[in-house]
Amino acid sequence: MIIKSHFAKNTAVLSLLKKDDEKKYYCCKINGRIRELTYVFDNDCDATVEFLDLTSADACRIYEASVRYLTALAIKTILPKADVRFFYNISRSVFCRVVTKKAFKVNTHFVQEVEDKMKQLVKEDIPLRKIKVSKEDALAKYHEEGFHDKIQVLKYRSENFVHLYEAKKNSIDYFDYLYGFLVPSTGFLTKFNCRYYNPGFLIQLPRAECHGEIPPFDDEMKFAITLASTSKWAEENNLDTVFNINKFVKTYGEMALINVSEARINNMLASLGEDITSRDSIVRLICIAGPSSSGKTSFANRLLYELMSRGLRPIRISVDNFYIPKDVLKEGTDLESIDAIDIPFFNEIMTNLIQGEAVALPVYDFKNGIRSFGKPIQVEENQPIIIEGIHALNPKLTPSIPEAQKYKIYIAPQPQVNIDNHTPVSMTDMRLLRRIARDSRTRGSDATETINMWPNVRSGEFKYIYPTQENADFVFDSFFPYEPCALRNIVLPLLDKVRPDQKEYLTASRLKQMVKYFLPIPTNNIPCNSLMREFVGGSSFKDAR
């Protein structure tokens, strides 16, 4: 719904909606800028107000943060001495783990109790009022609530004030902050499911890409195992929160954090190399896929040398060179879809190579949409072919290659790091920070451009990458605990240039708010073959720029 009008000073946004329509929307855009529904015009002005429902990614983000607030409030009501820690997890859900001093086992009965309490709080329609307090007052309130994790993070906040959201009604008197906007009251939060998932529970939420509905639950076991392993490693090494990462830097130094992070990646590469070479059948095709800014290019190079160290001599072939020529491509074909790839030709080339024939590989000219050919090549049995692309895990791409001869890898950064217990670092935001740093260096793009095109990138990922991730034989986590520290001083000046009147400002502010809590570290000590060099520059791999 869009309203264009002249608005008087002190006009409340919610007053523009009919009472029955208020809870159909979760935020609004005023002249293109995201605002909470509690916004009040501070001056007379002409403006366009667009109300956003759950088909909007911005509205879903605010809804998700609000449900985290609701969950924390519910658990605090049931277990006053306990807290909850949130993680981004499988099946587009939020994972919740109860944090207590004494051992506490989550079971189905407790999960039902939490869900019932959340629904009760929704019925009570408790206002969530934003208040601005001094750091001292925030510390006092956090002490009162037992939020020691939030107290630790405040040490790294440069401002002398804090925004809190107050929930106050009847016996409820609760304060919290989740580093983002919230809905006006608990009564807006009618869509969620709680699901027991040992050792905690999942909250399923509406998604914009599902037209504002809750997606069906899909127990992505391979992905879940990797997330659990990543989380366990981060906690065991005290690298699971902003405070702990900063403490590690202060205690052991910047190089220690870099070296520990790189050692973990090296260990995963070694495990991957062992798995590939120990297979009963010879692997001839290694397929790598992952979302944007996962480090696929550098990873493919690192894997190549890992396999060379084990006696193999892999070659790399780009799927991008197998696009259908422009004059043959069916009109209206989505260029990101698998339909834009010449699948029969790709399979013919792969099959001929695997059979030991000499083959001239194509080179695709994207500017003119034409195909040319290079010199013929031949591969031996000890030369697996590494391919990398958004469709690499899609079985439609390689139907002529026997499954036993394929090894499929899904790669993405999967940070299991929290700003505090109630605010996990978003996997998507981490990739966006990487993309902003890389685009600025390699394309001369400013942060506004990168943020503006990001929704289109995400749309392609939901269509073509995420549906095939469970096809992987190995899920590779490309996150480095030091990377927010390394990216900090690169991206903050870029994000500072996004103006308040631009629609990208809210995203820029959210990213700044996240990354500024990490202590900065210089990039010069990052190894030249690190996956992170793909984003900060200085890679020893030419095609990683």
Protein backbone atom coordinates (compact mmCIF):
# COMPACT_ATOMS: atom_id res chain seq x y z
CA MET A 1 0.00 0.00 0.00
CA ILE A 2 1.38 3.41 -0.99
CA ILE A 3 0.25 6.83 0.23
CA LYS A 4 1.52 10.04 -1.40
CA SER A 5 0.59 13.19 0.47
CA HIS A 6 1.62 16.21 2.49
CA PHE A 7 2.10 15.23 6.12
CA ALA A 8 1.95 17.59 9.07
CA LYS A 9 4.57 17.57 11.80
CA ASN A 10 3.91 14.91 14.49
CA THR A 11 1.83 12.74 12.14
CA ALA A 12 2.20 9.12 13.28
CA VAL A 13 2.67 6.59 10.49
CA LEU A 14 0.28 4.13 12.12
CA SER A 15 -2.47 6.78 12.07
CA LEU A 16 -2.45 6.52 8.26
CA LEU A 17 -3.81 2.96 8.45
CA LYS A 18 -7.26 1.74 9.31
CA LYS A 19 -7.35 -0.07 12.63
CA ASP A 20 -8.09 -3.41 10.94
CA ASP A 21 -5.12 -2.95 8.58
CA GLU A 22 -2.45 -2.01 11.13
CA LYS A 23 -1.13 -5.54 11.71
CA LYS A 24 -1.00 -6.39 8.00
CA TYR A 25 2.25 -4.43 7.73
CA TYR A 26 5.54 -4.58 9.65
CA CYS A 27 7.48 -1.52 8.54
CA CYS A 28 7.32 1.16 5.89
CA LYS A 29 9.42 3.08 3.41
CA ILE A 30 9.25 6.86 3.59
CA ASN A 31 10.71 8.38 0.43
CA GLY A 32 12.52 5.09 -0.11
CA ARG A 33 14.01 4.81 3.40
CA ILE A 34 12.96 2.02 5.79
CA ARG A 35 11.22 3.25 8.94
CA GLU A 36 9.52 1.56 11.87
CA LEU A 37 5.75 1.78 12.03
CA THR A 38 6.14 3.84 15.21
CA TYR A 39 7.78 6.62 13.17
CA VAL A 40 6.42 10.14 13.64
CA PHE A 41 7.09 12.92 11.12
CA ASP A 42 9.33 15.52 12.74
CA ASN A 43 8.53 18.21 10.16
CA ASP A 44 5.80 19.20 7.70
CA CYS A 45 6.72 17.56 4.40
CA ASP A 46 5.59 15.96 1.16
CA ALA A 47 6.33 12.25 1.25
CA THR A 48 5.60 8.86 -0.25
CA VAL A 49 4.84 6.22 2.38
CA GLU A 50 4.95 2.59 1.28
CA PHE A 51 3.76 -0.01 3.80
CA LEU A 52 5.58 -3.36 3.63
CA ASP A 53 4.19 -6.79 4.39
CA LEU A 54 6.02 -10.10 4.68
CA THR A 55 6.60 -10.35 0.93
CA SER A 56 9.33 -7.76 1.57
CA ALA A 57 12.78 -8.93 2.71
CA ASP A 58 13.12 -5.78 4.86
CA ALA A 59 9.82 -6.50 6.63
CA CYS A 60 10.84 -10.14 7.19
CA ARG A 61 14.14 -9.05 8.72
CA ILE A 62 12.32 -6.79 11.19
CA TYR A 63 9.79 -9.53 11.88
CA GLU A 64 12.55 -12.06 12.60
CA ALA A 65 14.33 -9.71 15.04
CA SER A 66 11.00 -9.04 16.75
CA VAL A 67 10.32 -12.78 17.16
CA ARG A 68 13.77 -13.20 18.70
CA TYR A 69 12.82 -10.46 21.19
CA LEU A 70 9.52 -12.25 21.87
CA THR A 71 11.29 -15.59 22.39
CA ALA A 72 13.82 -14.09 24.81
CA LEU A 73 10.98 -12.46 26.74
CA ALA A 74 9.02 -15.73 26.89
CA ILE A 75 12.00 -17.73 28.19
CA LYS A 76 12.81 -15.01 30.73
CA THR A 77 9.23 -15.27 31.96
CA ILE A 78 9.37 -19.08 32.25
CA LEU A 79 12.99 -19.33 33.54
CA PRO A 80 13.99 -15.98 35.12
CA LYS A 81 17.57 -17.15 35.72
CA ALA A 82 18.05 -18.41 32.17
CA ASP A 83 18.74 -16.78 28.82
CA VAL A 84 18.52 -17.92 25.20
CA ARG A 85 21.17 -17.85 22.52
CA PHE A 86 20.16 -17.59 18.88
CA PHE A 87 21.91 -18.99 15.81
CA TYR A 88 21.04 -18.87 12.12
CA ASN A 89 20.46 -22.46 11.19
CA ILE A 90 19.03 -24.98 8.78
CA SER A 91 15.82 -24.82 6.76
CA ARG A 92 15.75 -21.04 6.92
CA SER A 93 15.06 -21.21 10.66
CA VAL A 94 16.49 -19.67 13.82
CA PHE A 95 18.03 -22.14 16.29
CA CYS A 96 17.59 -21.42 20.01
CA ARG A 97 19.66 -22.83 22.83
CA VAL A 98 18.83 -22.23 26.48
CA VAL A 99 21.74 -20.80 28.49
CA THR A 100 21.83 -21.46 32.24
CA LYS A 101 24.45 -21.78 34.96
CA LYS A 102 23.07 -25.20 35.86
CA ALA A 103 22.57 -27.95 33.30
CA PHE A 104 19.21 -27.67 31.59
CA LYS A 105 17.86 -30.13 29.05
CA VAL A 106 15.42 -28.84 26.46
CA ASN A 107 12.62 -31.29 25.67
CA THR A 108 9.39 -31.25 23.69
CA HIS A 109 7.38 -30.24 26.77
CA PHE A 110 9.56 -27.18 27.35
CA VAL A 111 9.39 -26.17 23.68
CA GLN A 112 5.60 -26.36 23.80
CA GLU A 113 5.62 -24.26 26.99
CA VAL A 114 7.76 -21.62 25.27
CA GLU A 115 5.50 -21.55 22.20
CA ASP A 116 2.39 -21.26 24.39
CA LYS A 117 3.96 -18.39 26.34
CA MET A 118 4.92 -16.61 23.09
CA LYS A 119 1.35 -16.92 21.82
CA GLN A 120 0.04 -15.58 25.13
CA LEU A 121 2.37 -12.57 24.89
CA VAL A 122 1.14 -11.99 21.33
CA LYS A 123 -2.47 -11.96 22.54
CA GLU A 124 -1.56 -9.43 25.24
CA ASP A 125 -0.32 -7.11 22.46
CA ILE A 126 2.45 -5.62 24.60
CA PRO A 127 3.91 -2.38 23.14
CA LEU A 128 7.62 -2.53 22.22
CA ARG A 129 8.72 1.01 22.95
CA LYS A 130 12.14 2.25 21.82
CA ILE A 131 13.94 4.32 24.44
CA LYS A 132 17.34 6.01 24.41
CA VAL A 133 19.41 5.63 27.57
CA SER A 134 22.98 6.31 28.64
CA LYS A 135 25.52 3.50 28.61
CA GLU A 136 25.49 3.59 32.40
CA ASP A 137 21.73 3.11 32.55
CA ALA A 138 21.95 0.34 29.94
CA LEU A 139 24.59 -1.42 32.01
CA ALA A 140 22.37 -1.20 35.09
CA LYS A 141 19.40 -2.66 33.18
CA TYR A 142 21.55 -5.43 31.71
CA HIS A 143 22.84 -6.30 35.18
CA GLU A 144 19.25 -6.42 36.39
CA GLU A 145 18.25 -8.82 33.59
CA GLY A 146 21.45 -10.89 33.91
CA PHE A 147 22.59 -10.09 30.36
CA HIS A 148 26.33 -10.41 30.99
CA ASP A 149 27.00 -10.97 27.27
CA LYS A 150 25.48 -7.57 26.46
CA ILE A 151 27.55 -5.95 29.19
CA GLN A 152 30.72 -7.33 27.59
CA VAL A 153 29.81 -5.93 24.16
CA LEU A 154 29.09 -2.45 25.53
CA LYS A 155 32.83 -2.11 26.21
CA TYR A 156 33.32 -1.81 22.46
CA ARG A 157 30.51 0.68 21.83
CA SER A 158 31.92 4.12 21.01
CA GLU A 159 28.64 6.03 21.52
CA ASN A 160 27.72 7.13 25.04
CA PHE A 161 24.10 6.07 24.60
CA VAL A 162 22.17 2.88 23.85
CA HIS A 163 18.76 2.25 22.30
CA LEU A 164 16.64 -0.28 24.16
CA TYR A 165 13.22 -1.72 23.50
CA GLU A 166 10.94 -1.77 26.53
CA ALA A 167 8.12 -4.27 26.97
CA LYS A 168 6.00 -3.07 29.89
CA LYS A 169 2.50 -4.26 30.68
CA ASN A 170 0.89 -5.76 33.79
CA SER A 171 3.60 -7.99 35.34
CA ILE A 172 5.92 -7.71 32.30
CA ASP A 173 8.83 -5.28 32.69
CA TYR A 174 11.56 -6.22 30.22
CA PHE A 175 14.35 -4.43 28.31
CA ASP A 176 16.39 -5.72 25.41
CA TYR A 177 18.09 -4.60 22.21
CA LEU A 178 18.62 -6.66 19.05
CA TYR A 179 20.62 -4.31 16.80
CA GLY A 180 17.76 -3.57 14.45
CA PHE A 181 14.21 -2.28 14.11
CA LEU A 182 11.23 -4.01 15.75
CA VAL A 183 7.48 -4.06 15.17
CA PRO A 184 5.31 -1.77 17.35
CA SER A 185 3.97 -4.52 19.63
CA THR A 186 3.95 -8.25 20.28
CA GLY A 187 0.47 -8.43 18.70
CA PHE A 188 2.05 -8.19 15.24
CA LEU A 189 3.88 -11.52 15.67
CA THR A 190 1.23 -14.09 14.83
CA LYS A 191 3.22 -16.25 12.39
CA PHE A 192 5.83 -18.63 13.81
CA ASN A 193 6.31 -22.30 14.64
CA CYS A 194 8.50 -23.74 17.39
CA ARG A 195 10.05 -27.15 16.74
CA TYR A 196 12.13 -29.30 19.08
CA TYR A 197 15.59 -29.83 17.59
CA ASN A 198 18.10 -31.34 20.01
CA PRO A 199 19.86 -29.78 21.92
CA GLY A 200 17.49 -26.79 21.57
CA PHE A 201 14.63 -25.79 19.33
CA LEU A 202 13.98 -24.10 16.01
CA ILE A 203 11.74 -21.15 15.24
CA GLN A 204 10.29 -21.26 11.75
CA LEU A 205 9.37 -17.86 10.36
CA PRO A 206 7.76 -16.33 7.26
CA ARG A 207 10.12 -15.69 4.35
CA ALA A 208 9.83 -13.10 1.61
CA GLU A 209 10.86 -15.61 -1.06
CA CYS A 210 7.93 -17.78 0.11
CA HIS A 211 5.46 -14.92 -0.37
CA GLY A 212 5.35 -14.18 3.34
CA GLU A 213 4.57 -17.74 4.40
CA ILE A 214 6.58 -20.13 6.58
CA PRO A 215 8.52 -22.53 4.31
CA PRO A 216 8.10 -26.26 4.88
CA PHE A 217 10.69 -27.76 7.19
CA ASP A 218 13.52 -29.55 5.41
CA ASP A 219 15.98 -31.30 7.70
CA GLU A 220 19.19 -30.47 5.81
CA MET A 221 21.41 -32.96 7.59
CA LYS A 222 24.69 -32.27 5.79
CA PHE A 223 24.31 -28.54 6.31
CA ALA A 224 23.27 -29.04 9.95
CA ILE A 225 26.30 -31.24 10.70
CA THR A 226 28.65 -28.58 9.32
CA LEU A 227 26.94 -25.83 11.34
CA ALA A 228 27.15 -27.93 14.51
CA SER A 229 30.83 -28.62 13.87
CA THR A 230 31.52 -24.94 13.20
CA SER A 231 29.67 -23.89 16.36
CA LYS A 232 31.50 -26.45 18.49
CA TRP A 233 34.90 -25.35 17.13
CA ALA A 234 34.11 -21.66 17.76
CA GLU A 235 32.99 -22.31 21.34
CA GLU A 236 35.91 -24.61 22.17
CA ASN A 237 38.34 -21.95 20.94
CA ASN A 238 36.45 -19.03 22.55
CA LEU A 239 35.87 -17.44 19.15
CA ASP A 240 32.08 -17.47 19.27
CA THR A 241 31.28 -13.85 20.20
CA VAL A 242 32.54 -10.36 19.42
CA PHE A 243 33.85 -10.08 22.96
CA ASN A 244 35.72 -13.40 22.79
CA ILE A 245 37.25 -12.64 19.39
CA ASN A 246 38.43 -9.24 20.61
CA LYS A 247 39.73 -10.81 23.82
CA PHE A 248 41.66 -13.38 21.77
CA VAL A 249 43.32 -10.57 19.79
CA LYS A 250 44.23 -8.71 22.97
CA THR A 251 45.56 -11.85 24.69
CA TYR A 252 47.39 -13.65 21.88
CA GLY A 253 47.77 -11.03 19.16
CA GLU A 254 46.49 -10.50 15.63
CA MET A 255 48.74 -13.11 14.04
CA ALA A 256 47.52 -15.79 16.45
CA LEU A 257 43.92 -15.18 15.39
CA ILE A 258 44.88 -15.28 11.70
CA ASN A 259 46.97 -18.43 12.10
CA VAL A 260 44.33 -20.31 14.12
CA SER A 261 41.64 -19.38 11.59
CA GLU A 262 43.79 -20.40 8.62
CA ALA A 263 44.78 -23.67 10.35
CA ARG A 264 41.12 -24.60 10.59
CA ILE A 265 40.65 -24.02 6.85
CA ASN A 266 43.81 -26.04 6.12
CA ASN A 267 42.51 -28.90 8.25
CA MET A 268 39.19 -28.89 6.36
CA LEU A 269 41.02 -28.91 3.04
CA ALA A 270 43.10 -31.86 4.21
CA SER A 271 39.94 -33.74 5.26
CA LEU A 272 38.38 -32.93 1.91
CA GLY A 273 41.46 -34.13 0.01
CA GLU A 274 41.50 -37.34 2.02
CA ASP A 275 37.82 -37.97 1.33
CA ILE A 276 38.21 -37.44 -2.42
CA THR A 277 41.30 -39.63 -2.80
CA SER A 278 40.07 -42.44 -0.54
CA ARG A 279 36.90 -43.12 -2.54
CA ASP A 280 36.45 -46.63 -3.94
CA SER A 281 35.81 -45.27 -7.44
CA ILE A 282 38.05 -42.71 -9.14
CA VAL A 283 36.64 -39.19 -8.98
CA ARG A 284 36.74 -37.61 -12.45
CA LEU A 285 34.57 -34.51 -11.94
CA ILE A 286 34.71 -32.23 -8.88
CA CYS A 287 31.75 -29.84 -8.78
CA ILE A 288 31.88 -26.68 -6.63
CA ALA A 289 28.90 -24.41 -5.99
CA GLY A 290 27.97 -21.79 -3.44
CA PRO A 291 26.36 -18.38 -3.10
CA SER A 292 28.01 -15.10 -4.03
CA SER A 293 31.18 -14.12 -2.13
CA SER A 294 31.77 -17.57 -0.67
CA GLY A 295 35.37 -17.69 -1.90
CA LYS A 296 34.70 -20.26 -4.62
CA THR A 297 37.50 -19.11 -6.94
CA SER A 298 40.26 -19.19 -4.33
CA PHE A 299 38.84 -22.39 -2.88
CA ALA A 300 39.01 -24.12 -6.26
CA ASN A 301 42.68 -23.13 -6.52
CA ARG A 302 43.45 -24.28 -2.96
CA LEU A 303 41.71 -27.59 -3.61
CA LEU A 304 43.69 -28.05 -6.83
CA TYR A 305 46.99 -27.80 -4.93
CA GLU A 306 45.70 -29.94 -2.06
CA LEU A 307 44.96 -32.70 -4.56
CA MET A 308 48.32 -32.17 -6.31
CA SER A 309 50.01 -32.81 -2.98
CA ARG A 310 48.25 -36.20 -3.00
CA GLY A 311 49.56 -37.21 -6.41
CA LEU A 312 46.68 -35.98 -8.57
CA ARG A 313 46.99 -33.37 -11.32
CA PRO A 314 43.57 -31.68 -11.57
CA ILE A 315 42.58 -29.18 -14.24
CA ARG A 316 39.99 -26.40 -13.92
CA ILE A 317 37.27 -25.70 -16.45
CA SER A 318 34.83 -22.80 -16.21
CA VAL A 319 31.15 -23.60 -16.72
CA ASP A 320 30.75 -19.97 -17.82
CA ASN A 321 32.41 -20.87 -21.13
CA PHE A 322 29.50 -23.19 -21.95
CA TYR A 323 26.78 -20.56 -22.28
CA ILE A 324 24.57 -20.97 -25.33
CA PRO A 325 25.65 -18.50 -28.04
CA LYS A 326 23.45 -15.41 -28.23
CA ASP A 327 22.13 -16.15 -31.73
CA VAL A 328 20.92 -19.60 -30.62
CA LEU A 329 19.68 -18.79 -27.11
CA LYS A 330 15.91 -18.92 -26.79
CA GLU A 331 14.44 -15.44 -26.38
CA GLY A 332 13.44 -14.61 -22.81
CA THR A 333 15.77 -17.19 -21.20
CA ASP A 334 16.94 -16.20 -17.73
CA LEU A 335 20.71 -15.91 -18.14
CA GLU A 336 21.23 -17.15 -14.58
CA SER A 337 19.16 -20.27 -15.12
CA ILE A 338 20.56 -23.63 -16.14
CA ASP A 339 18.62 -23.26 -19.40
CA ALA A 340 21.24 -20.73 -20.53
CA ILE A 341 23.96 -23.43 -20.36
CA ASP A 342 24.56 -25.64 -23.39
CA ILE A 343 24.12 -28.85 -21.38
CA PRO A 344 24.47 -31.39 -24.22
CA PHE A 345 27.66 -29.69 -25.42
CA PHE A 346 29.04 -29.49 -21.86
CA ASN A 347 28.40 -33.20 -21.30
CA GLU A 348 29.93 -34.09 -24.64
CA ILE A 349 33.14 -32.21 -23.77
CA MET A 350 33.32 -33.68 -20.24
CA THR A 351 32.68 -37.22 -21.47
CA ASN A 352 35.29 -36.94 -24.23
CA LEU A 353 37.87 -35.59 -21.78
CA ILE A 354 37.18 -38.33 -19.25
CA GLN A 355 37.59 -40.91 -22.03
CA GLY A 356 41.04 -39.50 -22.77
CA GLU A 357 40.25 -37.78 -26.06
CA ALA A 358 41.90 -34.53 -27.16
CA VAL A 359 39.31 -31.75 -26.93
CA ALA A 360 39.35 -28.05 -27.86
CA LEU A 361 37.73 -26.16 -24.98
CA PRO A 362 35.32 -23.29 -25.67
CA VAL A 363 35.93 -19.68 -24.67
CA TYR A 364 32.74 -17.63 -24.34
CA ASP A 365 32.77 -13.94 -25.25
CA PHE A 366 30.11 -12.40 -23.00
CA LYS A 367 30.27 -9.02 -24.70
CA ASN A 368 29.33 -10.39 -28.12
CA GLY A 369 27.65 -13.61 -27.00
CA ILE A 370 29.78 -15.84 -29.22
CA ARG A 371 31.91 -18.93 -28.68
CA SER A 372 35.49 -19.53 -29.84
CA PHE A 373 37.89 -22.40 -29.16
CA GLY A 374 41.36 -22.73 -27.68
CA LYS A 375 44.03 -25.35 -28.20
CA PRO A 376 43.01 -29.02 -27.70
CA ILE A 377 43.80 -30.55 -24.31
CA GLN A 378 43.86 -34.11 -23.04
CA VAL A 379 43.54 -35.40 -19.48
CA GLU A 380 44.90 -38.52 -17.84
CA GLU A 381 43.14 -40.74 -15.33
CA ASN A 382 44.88 -38.92 -12.45
CA GLN A 383 43.56 -35.55 -13.63
CA PRO A 384 40.13 -34.86 -12.16
CA ILE A 385 38.27 -31.93 -13.70
CA ILE A 386 37.27 -29.15 -11.29
CA ILE A 387 34.21 -27.15 -12.33
CA GLU A 388 32.76 -24.24 -10.40
CA GLY A 389 29.48 -22.39 -10.90
CA ILE A 390 26.00 -21.76 -9.53
CA HIS A 391 24.63 -24.89 -11.24
CA ALA A 392 27.55 -27.19 -10.47
CA LEU A 393 25.54 -29.28 -7.98
CA ASN A 394 22.46 -29.48 -10.17
CA PRO A 395 22.16 -33.05 -11.51
CA LYS A 396 20.69 -31.60 -14.73
CA LEU A 397 24.13 -30.17 -15.57
CA THR A 398 26.02 -33.48 -15.68
CA PRO A 399 23.59 -36.31 -16.51
CA SER A 400 26.10 -38.18 -18.69
CA ILE A 401 28.71 -38.45 -15.91
CA PRO A 402 28.15 -41.44 -13.56
CA GLU A 403 27.35 -40.33 -10.01
CA ALA A 404 30.17 -42.48 -8.64
CA GLN A 405 32.67 -40.42 -10.66
CA LYS A 406 31.40 -37.05 -9.35
CA TYR A 407 32.30 -35.34 -6.10
CA LYS A 408 30.11 -32.38 -5.16
CA ILE A 409 31.14 -29.56 -2.80
CA TYR A 410 28.97 -26.77 -1.41
CA ILE A 411 30.92 -23.80 -0.05
CA ALA A 412 29.68 -20.81 1.96
CA PRO A 413 30.77 -18.81 5.01
CA GLN A 414 28.73 -20.09 7.95
CA PRO A 415 29.65 -17.86 10.90
CA GLN A 416 28.47 -19.21 14.23
CA VAL A 417 29.41 -15.95 15.91
CA ASN A 418 27.18 -13.67 17.96
CA ILE A 419 27.33 -9.98 18.80
CA ASP A 420 25.54 -11.07 21.96
CA ASN A 421 23.31 -14.02 22.81
CA HIS A 422 20.28 -12.48 21.14
CA THR A 423 22.01 -11.25 17.97
CA PRO A 424 23.78 -13.79 15.75
CA VAL A 425 25.99 -12.54 12.94
CA SER A 426 24.11 -13.08 9.69
CA MET A 427 25.69 -15.38 7.09
CA THR A 428 24.19 -13.19 4.38
CA ASP A 429 25.49 -9.95 5.90
CA MET A 430 28.96 -11.48 6.15
CA ARG A 431 28.93 -12.26 2.44
CA LEU A 432 27.64 -8.78 1.65
CA LEU A 433 30.56 -7.23 3.56
CA ARG A 434 32.95 -9.39 1.53
CA ARG A 435 31.22 -8.33 -1.69
CA ILE A 436 31.38 -4.61 -0.80
CA ALA A 437 35.13 -4.87 -0.16
CA ARG A 438 35.78 -6.83 -3.38
CA ASP A 439 33.52 -4.74 -5.63
CA SER A 440 35.15 -1.53 -4.45
CA ARG A 441 38.62 -2.88 -5.20
CA THR A 442 37.98 -4.73 -8.46
CA ARG A 443 35.09 -2.81 -10.04
CA GLY A 444 35.32 0.63 -8.48
CA SER A 445 31.76 0.17 -7.17
CA ASP A 446 30.64 2.08 -4.11
CA ALA A 447 28.73 0.43 -1.26
CA THR A 448 25.44 1.87 -2.51
CA GLU A 449 25.76 0.05 -5.85
CA THR A 450 26.64 -3.27 -4.23
CA ILE A 451 23.83 -3.05 -1.66
CA ASN A 452 21.36 -2.04 -4.38
CA MET A 453 22.09 -5.11 -6.54
CA TRP A 454 22.23 -7.54 -3.60
CA PRO A 455 18.49 -8.45 -3.62
CA ASN A 456 18.84 -9.64 -7.24
CA VAL A 457 21.86 -11.73 -6.25
CA ARG A 458 19.87 -13.25 -3.39
CA SER A 459 16.93 -13.98 -5.66
CA GLY A 460 19.19 -16.01 -7.97
CA GLU A 461 20.63 -17.90 -5.01
CA PHE A 462 17.20 -18.98 -3.79
CA LYS A 463 16.27 -20.11 -7.29
CA TYR A 464 19.41 -21.90 -8.39
CA ILE A 465 21.83 -22.60 -5.52
CA TYR A 466 20.07 -23.37 -2.23
CA PRO A 467 17.73 -26.03 -3.70
CA THR A 468 20.78 -28.13 -4.67
CA GLN A 469 22.98 -27.67 -1.58
CA GLU A 470 21.92 -30.98 -0.03
CA ASN A 471 23.27 -32.74 -3.14
CA ALA A 472 26.77 -32.02 -1.83
CA ASP A 473 29.15 -34.72 -0.63
CA PHE A 474 31.02 -32.13 1.45
CA VAL A 475 29.86 -28.80 2.93
CA PHE A 476 32.81 -26.43 3.31
CA ASP A 477 32.58 -23.52 5.76
CA SER A 478 34.70 -20.66 4.38
CA PHE A 479 34.27 -18.29 7.36
CA PHE A 480 37.35 -16.96 9.17
CA PRO A 481 36.87 -15.67 12.74
CA TYR A 482 39.33 -12.87 11.93
CA GLU A 483 37.50 -11.67 8.82
CA PRO A 484 35.16 -9.12 10.47
CA CYS A 485 38.30 -7.59 12.02
CA ALA A 486 40.13 -7.58 8.67
CA LEU A 487 37.16 -6.18 6.73
CA ARG A 488 36.31 -3.54 9.33
CA ASN A 489 38.59 -0.73 8.20
CA ILE A 490 38.00 -1.52 4.52
CA VAL A 491 34.19 -1.40 4.58
CA LEU A 492 33.47 1.26 7.23
CA PRO A 493 34.65 4.20 5.05
CA LEU A 494 32.63 2.78 2.15
CA LEU A 495 29.50 2.37 4.28
CA ASP A 496 29.92 5.87 5.74
CA LYS A 497 29.39 7.29 2.25
CA VAL A 498 25.84 5.93 2.01
CA ARG A 499 23.64 8.96 2.67
CA PRO A 500 20.65 8.94 5.06
CA ASP A 501 18.31 9.87 2.20
CA GLN A 502 19.29 6.76 0.17
CA LYS A 503 17.24 3.55 0.32
CA GLU A 504 20.43 1.56 0.98
CA TYR A 505 21.06 3.49 4.20
CA LEU A 506 19.33 1.03 6.56
CA THR A 507 21.39 -1.89 5.28
CA ALA A 508 24.57 0.18 5.44
CA SER A 509 23.75 1.21 9.02
CA ARG A 510 23.08 -2.40 10.02
CA LEU A 511 26.39 -3.55 8.56
CA LYS A 512 28.28 -0.70 10.24
CA GLN A 513 26.63 -1.47 13.53
CA MET A 514 27.77 -5.08 13.31
CA VAL A 515 31.34 -4.68 12.11
CA LYS A 516 32.34 -1.71 14.26
CA TYR A 517 32.29 -3.87 17.42
CA PHE A 518 35.23 -5.95 16.17
CA LEU A 519 38.78 -4.75 16.83
CA PRO A 520 40.47 -3.90 13.50
CA ILE A 521 43.45 -5.91 12.31
CA PRO A 522 45.64 -5.11 9.26
CA THR A 523 45.41 -7.35 6.21
CA ASN A 524 49.13 -7.49 5.42
CA ASN A 525 49.68 -10.62 7.55
CA ILE A 526 46.93 -12.65 5.86
CA PRO A 527 48.59 -15.44 3.81
CA CYS A 528 48.68 -14.72 0.07
CA ASN A 529 46.90 -18.02 -0.67
CA SER A 530 44.10 -17.40 1.84
CA LEU A 531 40.50 -17.45 0.64
CA MET A 532 40.17 -14.02 2.28
CA ARG A 533 42.63 -12.55 -0.25
CA GLU A 534 39.85 -12.85 -2.82
CA PHE A 535 38.10 -10.01 -0.95
CA VAL A 536 40.87 -7.90 0.58
CA GLY A 537 43.30 -8.19 -2.37
CA GLY A 538 46.84 -9.52 -2.70
CA SER A 539 45.95 -13.08 -3.71
CA SER A 540 48.66 -15.28 -5.17
CA PHE A 541 45.98 -16.74 -7.45
CA LYS A 542 45.66 -14.55 -10.54
CA ASP A 543 42.02 -15.38 -11.23
CA ALA A 544 41.09 -14.50 -7.63
CA ARG A 545 42.18 -10.92 -8.31
